[in-house]
N, C-alpha and C. Protein backbone atom coordinates (compact mmCIF):
# COMPACT_ATOMS: atom_id res chain seq x y z
N MET A 1 19.00 209.74 -23.70
CA MET A 1 20.12 210.67 -23.62
C MET A 1 21.25 210.01 -22.82
N GLU A 2 22.45 210.15 -23.30
CA GLU A 2 23.60 209.60 -22.61
C GLU A 2 23.93 210.41 -21.37
N ALA A 3 24.62 209.78 -20.44
CA ALA A 3 25.02 210.46 -19.20
C ALA A 3 25.91 211.67 -19.52
N LYS A 4 26.78 211.53 -20.53
CA LYS A 4 27.66 212.66 -20.90
C LYS A 4 26.84 213.87 -21.31
N ASP A 5 25.80 213.64 -22.09
CA ASP A 5 24.95 214.74 -22.54
C ASP A 5 24.24 215.40 -21.36
N THR A 6 23.78 214.57 -20.44
CA THR A 6 23.08 215.08 -19.26
C THR A 6 24.02 215.92 -18.40
N VAL A 7 25.24 215.43 -18.20
CA VAL A 7 26.23 216.16 -17.40
C VAL A 7 26.52 217.51 -18.04
N LEU A 8 26.76 217.53 -19.34
CA LEU A 8 27.03 218.80 -20.02
C LEU A 8 25.84 219.75 -19.94
N GLU A 9 24.65 219.21 -20.07
CA GLU A 9 23.44 220.03 -20.01
C GLU A 9 23.31 220.70 -18.63
N VAL A 10 23.54 219.92 -17.57
CA VAL A 10 23.46 220.47 -16.21
C VAL A 10 24.52 221.55 -16.02
N MET A 11 25.74 221.29 -16.48
CA MET A 11 26.83 222.28 -16.33
C MET A 11 26.52 223.57 -17.08
N ASN A 12 26.01 223.44 -18.30
CA ASN A 12 25.67 224.62 -19.08
C ASN A 12 24.54 225.41 -18.43
N LYS A 13 23.56 224.70 -17.89
CA LYS A 13 22.40 225.35 -17.28
C LYS A 13 22.80 226.12 -16.02
N GLU A 14 23.69 225.54 -15.22
CA GLU A 14 24.10 226.19 -13.97
C GLU A 14 24.98 227.41 -14.21
N GLY A 15 25.84 227.34 -15.21
CA GLY A 15 26.67 228.50 -15.54
C GLY A 15 27.78 228.77 -14.55
N LYS A 16 28.13 227.79 -13.73
CA LYS A 16 29.25 227.94 -12.80
C LYS A 16 29.90 226.56 -12.62
N PRO A 17 31.15 226.54 -12.16
CA PRO A 17 31.82 225.25 -11.96
C PRO A 17 31.10 224.41 -10.92
N LEU A 18 30.98 223.11 -11.20
CA LEU A 18 30.29 222.19 -10.29
C LEU A 18 31.17 220.99 -9.98
N SER A 19 30.98 220.43 -8.80
CA SER A 19 31.65 219.17 -8.45
C SER A 19 30.82 218.01 -8.99
N ALA A 20 31.41 216.84 -9.02
CA ALA A 20 30.69 215.65 -9.51
C ALA A 20 29.47 215.38 -8.63
N GLY A 21 29.58 215.59 -7.34
CA GLY A 21 28.45 215.39 -6.43
C GLY A 21 27.30 216.33 -6.73
N GLN A 22 27.62 217.58 -7.03
CA GLN A 22 26.58 218.55 -7.36
C GLN A 22 25.90 218.18 -8.68
N VAL A 23 26.69 217.72 -9.65
CA VAL A 23 26.11 217.31 -10.94
C VAL A 23 25.17 216.12 -10.72
N ALA A 24 25.60 215.16 -9.91
CA ALA A 24 24.77 213.99 -9.64
C ALA A 24 23.46 214.40 -8.97
N GLU A 25 23.55 215.30 -8.01
CA GLU A 25 22.37 215.77 -7.28
C GLU A 25 21.39 216.49 -8.20
N LYS A 26 21.90 217.36 -9.06
CA LYS A 26 21.04 218.17 -9.93
C LYS A 26 20.48 217.38 -11.12
N SER A 27 21.22 216.35 -11.56
CA SER A 27 20.79 215.59 -12.73
C SER A 27 19.95 214.37 -12.39
N GLY A 28 20.08 213.89 -11.15
CA GLY A 28 19.37 212.68 -10.76
C GLY A 28 20.10 211.41 -11.18
N LEU A 29 21.29 211.56 -11.74
CA LEU A 29 22.09 210.40 -12.14
C LEU A 29 22.83 209.83 -10.93
N ASP A 30 23.20 208.56 -11.03
CA ASP A 30 24.03 207.94 -10.00
C ASP A 30 25.43 208.54 -10.05
N ARG A 31 26.06 208.69 -8.89
CA ARG A 31 27.39 209.32 -8.82
C ARG A 31 28.41 208.58 -9.68
N LYS A 32 28.33 207.25 -9.72
CA LYS A 32 29.28 206.47 -10.53
C LYS A 32 29.12 206.78 -12.02
N ASP A 33 27.87 206.95 -12.45
CA ASP A 33 27.62 207.29 -13.85
C ASP A 33 28.16 208.68 -14.18
N VAL A 34 28.01 209.60 -13.22
CA VAL A 34 28.52 210.96 -13.42
C VAL A 34 30.04 210.93 -13.51
N ASP A 35 30.69 210.17 -12.64
CA ASP A 35 32.15 210.07 -12.67
C ASP A 35 32.65 209.52 -14.01
N LYS A 36 31.98 208.49 -14.52
CA LYS A 36 32.37 207.90 -15.82
C LYS A 36 32.17 208.92 -16.94
N ALA A 37 31.04 209.61 -16.91
CA ALA A 37 30.74 210.60 -17.95
C ALA A 37 31.77 211.74 -17.91
N MET A 38 32.09 212.20 -16.71
CA MET A 38 33.05 213.30 -16.58
C MET A 38 34.44 212.87 -17.02
N LYS A 39 34.81 211.64 -16.75
CA LYS A 39 36.12 211.14 -17.20
C LYS A 39 36.18 211.16 -18.73
N ALA A 40 35.11 210.71 -19.37
CA ALA A 40 35.06 210.72 -20.84
C ALA A 40 35.09 212.15 -21.37
N LEU A 41 34.36 213.05 -20.73
CA LEU A 41 34.33 214.45 -21.17
C LEU A 41 35.70 215.10 -21.00
N LYS A 42 36.43 214.75 -19.94
CA LYS A 42 37.79 215.28 -19.74
C LYS A 42 38.71 214.80 -20.86
N GLU A 43 38.60 213.52 -21.21
CA GLU A 43 39.44 212.96 -22.26
C GLU A 43 39.15 213.61 -23.62
N GLU A 44 37.89 213.97 -23.84
CA GLU A 44 37.49 214.63 -25.08
C GLU A 44 37.73 216.14 -25.03
N GLU A 45 38.23 216.61 -23.88
CA GLU A 45 38.51 218.02 -23.65
C GLU A 45 37.29 218.91 -23.82
N LEU A 46 36.14 218.40 -23.37
CA LEU A 46 34.90 219.19 -23.43
C LEU A 46 34.61 219.92 -22.12
N ILE A 47 35.30 219.50 -21.04
CA ILE A 47 35.16 220.19 -19.77
C ILE A 47 36.55 220.51 -19.23
N VAL A 48 36.64 221.60 -18.45
CA VAL A 48 37.90 222.03 -17.85
C VAL A 48 37.68 222.29 -16.37
N SER A 49 38.77 222.29 -15.62
CA SER A 49 38.70 222.51 -14.18
C SER A 49 39.32 223.85 -13.82
N PRO A 50 38.49 224.84 -13.46
CA PRO A 50 39.03 226.14 -13.07
C PRO A 50 39.61 226.11 -11.65
N LYS A 51 39.14 225.18 -10.82
CA LYS A 51 39.71 224.97 -9.49
C LYS A 51 39.53 223.50 -9.12
N ARG A 52 40.30 223.05 -8.20
CA ARG A 52 40.34 221.63 -7.86
C ARG A 52 38.96 221.05 -7.56
N CYS A 53 38.68 219.94 -8.22
CA CYS A 53 37.44 219.16 -8.03
C CYS A 53 36.17 219.83 -8.55
N TYR A 54 36.31 220.92 -9.26
CA TYR A 54 35.15 221.58 -9.87
C TYR A 54 35.38 221.66 -11.36
N TRP A 55 34.30 221.45 -12.11
CA TRP A 55 34.40 221.38 -13.56
C TRP A 55 33.35 222.25 -14.22
N GLU A 56 33.68 222.71 -15.43
CA GLU A 56 32.74 223.50 -16.23
C GLU A 56 32.99 223.20 -17.70
N PRO A 57 32.02 223.47 -18.55
CA PRO A 57 32.22 223.24 -20.00
C PRO A 57 33.32 224.14 -20.53
N LYS A 58 34.10 223.60 -21.46
CA LYS A 58 35.16 224.39 -22.08
C LYS A 58 34.53 225.46 -22.95
N LYS A 59 35.05 226.66 -22.85
CA LYS A 59 34.48 227.78 -23.61
C LYS A 59 35.12 227.91 -24.96
């Protein structure tokens, strides 16, 4: 499974906006991998930021 898929899975499971650090902690991925995955997800417009530094899947 790609890091992007893992990040989205964690975000969907939690059901609330998460920071990159929280995603890394809950997924077991390295923080750098989470940052790269989140950057790609932002570019693909699959995640949105309801407040600064917190992200959630686009509804």
